[in-house]
Each structure stands twice: as C-alpha cells, then as structure tokens.
Amino acid sequence: MAIAKFNHKFISIILVEVCLFFLLFLGISPSQALASMYDDHFDGNVFIVYAGNGSLVPAKTTLHDSLKRQIPTVIVYYLDDSPNSKQFAATVSKIQEFYGRAANIIPVTVDSIPVKDTYTKEELGYYYQDVVPQIVILDSHGQKALDVKGQVDYEVIDDALREIFDLLPRSESIELKRLS
C-alpha cells in the first residue's frame, strides 16, 4: 500500500512538472509561435499557411509558356508578409478550385520580379503595378481581361473568367460545384 501511494504521488509530481514546462515554453514568446493573417510577419508561404493549398506554389508553368500555348492565365502578385496577401490567399485557392484545370494560375511573389527599366509582355514585371495583392487575367490571346489591385471579391474574378470561357453569368447558371 505504501508503494502504491508513492507511485501515485510520483506520477502526480511528474504530470505537474510537464504541465509547467509546457506553460513556460508557450509563455516565453507566443507571438513567434502563432501565425496571424492580420500582421506583417512572415509565417511561411501564404497559400500553404492561410489557404491550406501548397499546390499553387511553385507555379506549374511560366507566363511565356502559358501565352505560347494560348491558355487563359491568372497572375496573382503577392507578398508572404503582407496581411492583404494573407487574407486574399483563400480567394486564390477558390479560383484554382474551379478554374485550375482550364486556366494557368501563376502566383508571383513580387520580391522575385527582377528590377528592370522595361519588360516585355511575356515577363511578369510587365503587368505588376506596385500593389499587393494584384490579380491580372489574360485571355487565350494574351489580352488583359481583368487587372485589379487589392483584395477583390471572388465574384469579380469569376465574372471575368466566365466571360473568357463563355460560361453563363452566375445569375443564369447553377452554382459551380467542385469536381471530385
């Protein structure tokens, strides 16, 4: 009986020490351990962390190849440490959900755009306007169908893509559903 009392006391002490360790560990700097979509801290790639979608990065194709193959292209300019880009990541993921097989989606962190005086239409710097997020949609002929800055509703992007793909307006069609 004395041994059982000792084991019970010993286990209780260990549990208390483990709990205190974790509380102290978490209490040292909780801001470093928690990601937030409302600050300008780097938490990782915005599509992976905030949209749960690692399939967007890196881009599957280049702008040059997309234009050459005459496939509609969605260019998304972002920064991993921008609160606006973090919040917009879910919208981009939704675009991919419905249009990812029919259009090329090219997410571009603006830090990766080479600084030059001039760009050609086949270079990502040509369309960038010094704001994140920014979304540019090019039709299959490389003509701009949409160029908007800041966080924009999915419906605005969907309307432009519906026009490119000659789909009925949302008001006249059934709701798009994800393919299994």
Protein backbone atom coordinates (compact mmCIF):
# COMPACT_ATOMS: atom_id res chain seq x y z
CA MET A 1 0.00 0.00 0.00
CA ALA A 2 2.87 2.35 0.76
CA ILE A 3 4.35 1.62 -2.69
CA ALA A 4 1.07 2.45 -4.47
CA LYS A 5 0.83 5.72 -2.51
CA PHE A 6 4.42 6.55 -3.51
CA ASN A 7 3.79 5.79 -7.25
CA HIS A 8 0.64 7.91 -7.26
CA LYS A 9 2.49 10.85 -5.66
CA PHE A 10 5.44 10.41 -8.06
CA ILE A 11 3.21 10.36 -11.16
CA SER A 12 1.34 13.44 -9.92
CA ILE A 13 4.58 15.35 -9.48
CA ILE A 14 5.80 14.40 -12.97
CA LEU A 15 2.50 15.47 -14.55
CA VAL A 16 2.62 18.82 -12.77
CA GLU A 17 6.22 19.37 -13.91
CA VAL A 18 5.40 18.51 -17.52
CA CYS A 19 2.41 20.88 -17.50
CA LEU A 20 4.54 23.67 -16.01
CA PHE A 21 7.22 23.08 -18.63
CA PHE A 22 4.71 23.45 -21.48
CA LEU A 23 3.13 26.51 -19.92
CA LEU A 24 6.53 28.15 -19.51
CA PHE A 25 7.57 27.11 -23.00
CA LEU A 26 4.44 28.62 -24.56
CA GLY A 27 4.57 31.66 -22.33
CA ILE A 28 8.06 32.74 -23.40
CA SER A 29 7.09 34.18 -26.78
CA PRO A 30 3.63 33.26 -28.00
CA SER A 31 3.74 35.82 -30.83
CA GLN A 32 6.52 33.88 -32.52
CA ALA A 33 4.61 30.64 -32.35
CA LEU A 34 1.27 31.89 -33.62
CA ALA A 35 0.61 32.89 -37.20
CA SER A 36 -1.73 35.80 -37.87
CA MET A 37 -3.24 36.92 -41.13
CA TYR A 38 -3.61 40.45 -39.79
CA ASP A 39 0.06 41.36 -39.30
CA ASP A 40 3.11 41.79 -41.50
CA HIS A 41 5.14 38.95 -40.00
CA PHE A 42 6.50 36.24 -42.23
CA ASP A 43 4.75 33.00 -41.27
CA GLY A 44 5.55 30.99 -44.41
CA ASN A 45 4.02 30.89 -47.85
CA VAL A 46 0.55 32.49 -47.73
CA PHE A 47 -1.08 29.79 -49.85
CA ILE A 48 0.21 26.98 -47.66
CA VAL A 49 -0.36 28.65 -44.27
CA TYR A 50 -3.60 30.60 -44.84
CA ALA A 51 -5.34 28.76 -47.68
CA GLY A 52 -4.07 25.26 -46.91
CA ASN A 53 -3.09 24.92 -50.55
CA GLY A 54 0.51 24.08 -51.31
CA SER A 55 -0.33 23.07 -54.87
CA LEU A 56 -0.28 26.70 -56.05
CA VAL A 57 3.41 27.20 -55.35
CA PRO A 58 5.65 26.99 -57.16
CA ALA A 59 3.71 27.83 -60.31
CA LYS A 60 3.29 24.89 -62.68
CA THR A 61 4.15 26.94 -65.76
CA THR A 62 5.71 30.21 -66.82
CA LEU A 63 3.92 33.16 -68.35
CA HIS A 64 5.88 32.66 -71.57
CA ASP A 65 4.72 29.04 -71.88
CA SER A 66 1.13 29.89 -70.98
CA LEU A 67 0.97 32.59 -73.66
CA LYS A 68 2.67 30.33 -76.18
CA ARG A 69 0.11 27.56 -75.56
CA GLN A 70 -2.74 30.13 -75.71
CA ILE A 71 -4.22 29.18 -72.35
CA PRO A 72 -6.02 31.79 -70.22
CA THR A 73 -3.74 32.89 -67.43
CA VAL A 74 -4.39 34.21 -63.93
CA ILE A 75 -1.39 36.07 -62.49
CA VAL A 76 -1.51 36.73 -58.76
CA TYR A 77 1.04 39.14 -57.31
CA TYR A 78 1.57 38.76 -53.56
CA LEU A 79 3.98 39.02 -50.65
CA ASP A 80 4.27 36.39 -47.93
CA ASP A 81 4.45 39.03 -45.20
CA SER A 82 1.54 41.19 -46.40
CA PRO A 83 -1.69 40.99 -44.37
CA ASN A 84 -3.69 41.73 -47.52
CA SER A 85 -1.99 38.88 -49.40
CA LYS A 86 -2.55 36.53 -46.46
CA GLN A 87 -6.27 37.34 -46.43
CA PHE A 88 -6.54 37.06 -50.23
CA ALA A 89 -4.91 33.59 -50.36
CA ALA A 90 -8.21 31.78 -49.78
CA THR A 91 -9.79 33.59 -52.74
CA VAL A 92 -6.92 32.49 -54.99
CA SER A 93 -7.34 28.94 -53.77
CA LYS A 94 -11.04 29.13 -54.67
CA ILE A 95 -10.11 30.32 -58.19
CA GLN A 96 -7.89 27.28 -58.55
CA GLU A 97 -10.65 25.02 -57.25
CA PHE A 98 -12.99 25.95 -60.10
CA TYR A 99 -10.68 27.07 -62.91
CA GLY A 100 -7.35 25.36 -62.15
CA ARG A 101 -7.68 22.78 -64.92
CA ALA A 102 -8.79 25.23 -67.62
CA ALA A 103 -6.53 28.19 -66.84
CA ASN A 104 -2.94 28.56 -65.72
CA ILE A 105 -2.65 30.18 -62.32
CA ILE A 106 0.70 31.82 -61.72
CA PRO A 107 1.27 33.13 -58.18
CA VAL A 108 4.21 35.54 -58.13
CA THR A 109 5.89 36.84 -55.02
CA VAL A 110 6.82 40.36 -56.08
CA ASP A 111 10.25 40.04 -54.47
CA SER A 112 11.11 37.57 -57.24
CA ILE A 113 10.46 40.02 -60.10
CA PRO A 114 13.78 41.25 -61.48
CA VAL A 115 14.13 45.03 -61.37
CA LYS A 116 14.43 46.40 -64.90
CA ASP A 117 13.58 49.60 -66.76
CA THR A 118 11.31 47.85 -69.24
CA TYR A 119 9.65 44.46 -69.57
CA THR A 120 8.13 42.54 -72.45
CA LYS A 121 4.54 41.25 -72.38
CA GLU A 122 5.93 37.78 -71.68
CA GLU A 123 7.58 38.91 -68.42
CA LEU A 124 5.75 39.07 -65.11
CA GLY A 125 7.11 42.54 -64.33
CA TYR A 126 5.20 43.97 -67.29
CA TYR A 127 1.81 43.73 -65.55
CA TYR A 128 2.84 44.47 -61.95
CA GLN A 129 1.70 47.87 -60.59
CA ASP A 130 3.47 48.06 -57.17
CA VAL A 131 0.47 46.87 -55.13
CA VAL A 132 -0.23 43.55 -53.44
CA PRO A 133 -2.32 41.67 -53.90
CA GLN A 134 -2.90 42.31 -57.57
CA ILE A 135 -4.60 39.95 -59.97
CA VAL A 136 -4.26 40.05 -63.75
CA ILE A 137 -6.24 37.76 -66.02
CA LEU A 138 -5.13 37.26 -69.61
CA ASP A 139 -7.36 35.57 -72.16
CA SER A 140 -6.08 32.86 -74.50
CA HIS A 141 -4.77 35.55 -76.88
CA GLY A 142 -2.76 37.28 -74.15
CA GLN A 143 -5.15 40.24 -73.89
CA LYS A 144 -5.93 41.65 -70.46
CA ALA A 145 -9.41 40.66 -69.34
CA LEU A 146 -9.04 41.90 -65.76
CA ASP A 147 -6.47 43.89 -63.80
CA VAL A 148 -7.44 44.71 -60.22
CA LYS A 149 -5.44 45.76 -57.20
CA GLY A 150 -6.07 44.93 -53.57
CA GLN A 151 -8.43 42.38 -52.16
CA VAL A 152 -11.21 41.76 -54.61
CA ASP A 153 -14.24 39.53 -54.21
CA TYR A 154 -14.18 36.13 -55.84
CA GLU A 155 -17.28 37.05 -57.85
CA VAL A 156 -15.40 39.81 -59.72
CA ILE A 157 -12.73 37.33 -60.77
CA ASP A 158 -15.33 34.66 -61.54
CA ASP A 159 -17.22 37.09 -63.81
CA ALA A 160 -14.07 37.76 -65.86
CA LEU A 161 -13.27 34.06 -66.14
CA ARG A 162 -16.88 33.22 -67.06
CA GLU A 163 -16.61 35.70 -69.93
CA ILE A 164 -13.32 34.19 -71.13
CA PHE A 165 -14.70 30.65 -71.04
CA ASP A 166 -18.06 31.72 -72.48
CA LEU A 167 -19.99 30.49 -69.44
CA LEU A 168 -23.40 31.73 -68.40
CA PRO A 169 -23.46 34.58 -65.90
CA ARG A 170 -23.78 33.43 -62.30
CA SER A 171 -27.36 34.70 -62.13
CA GLU A 172 -28.38 32.42 -65.02
CA SER A 173 -26.44 29.28 -64.13
CA ILE A 174 -26.36 26.72 -61.41
CA GLU A 175 -23.78 27.15 -58.69
CA LEU A 176 -20.35 25.80 -59.63
CA LYS A 177 -19.50 22.70 -57.67
CA ARG A 178 -16.11 21.21 -57.03
CA LEU A 179 -15.29 18.13 -59.07
CA SER A 180 -14.41 15.04 -57.07
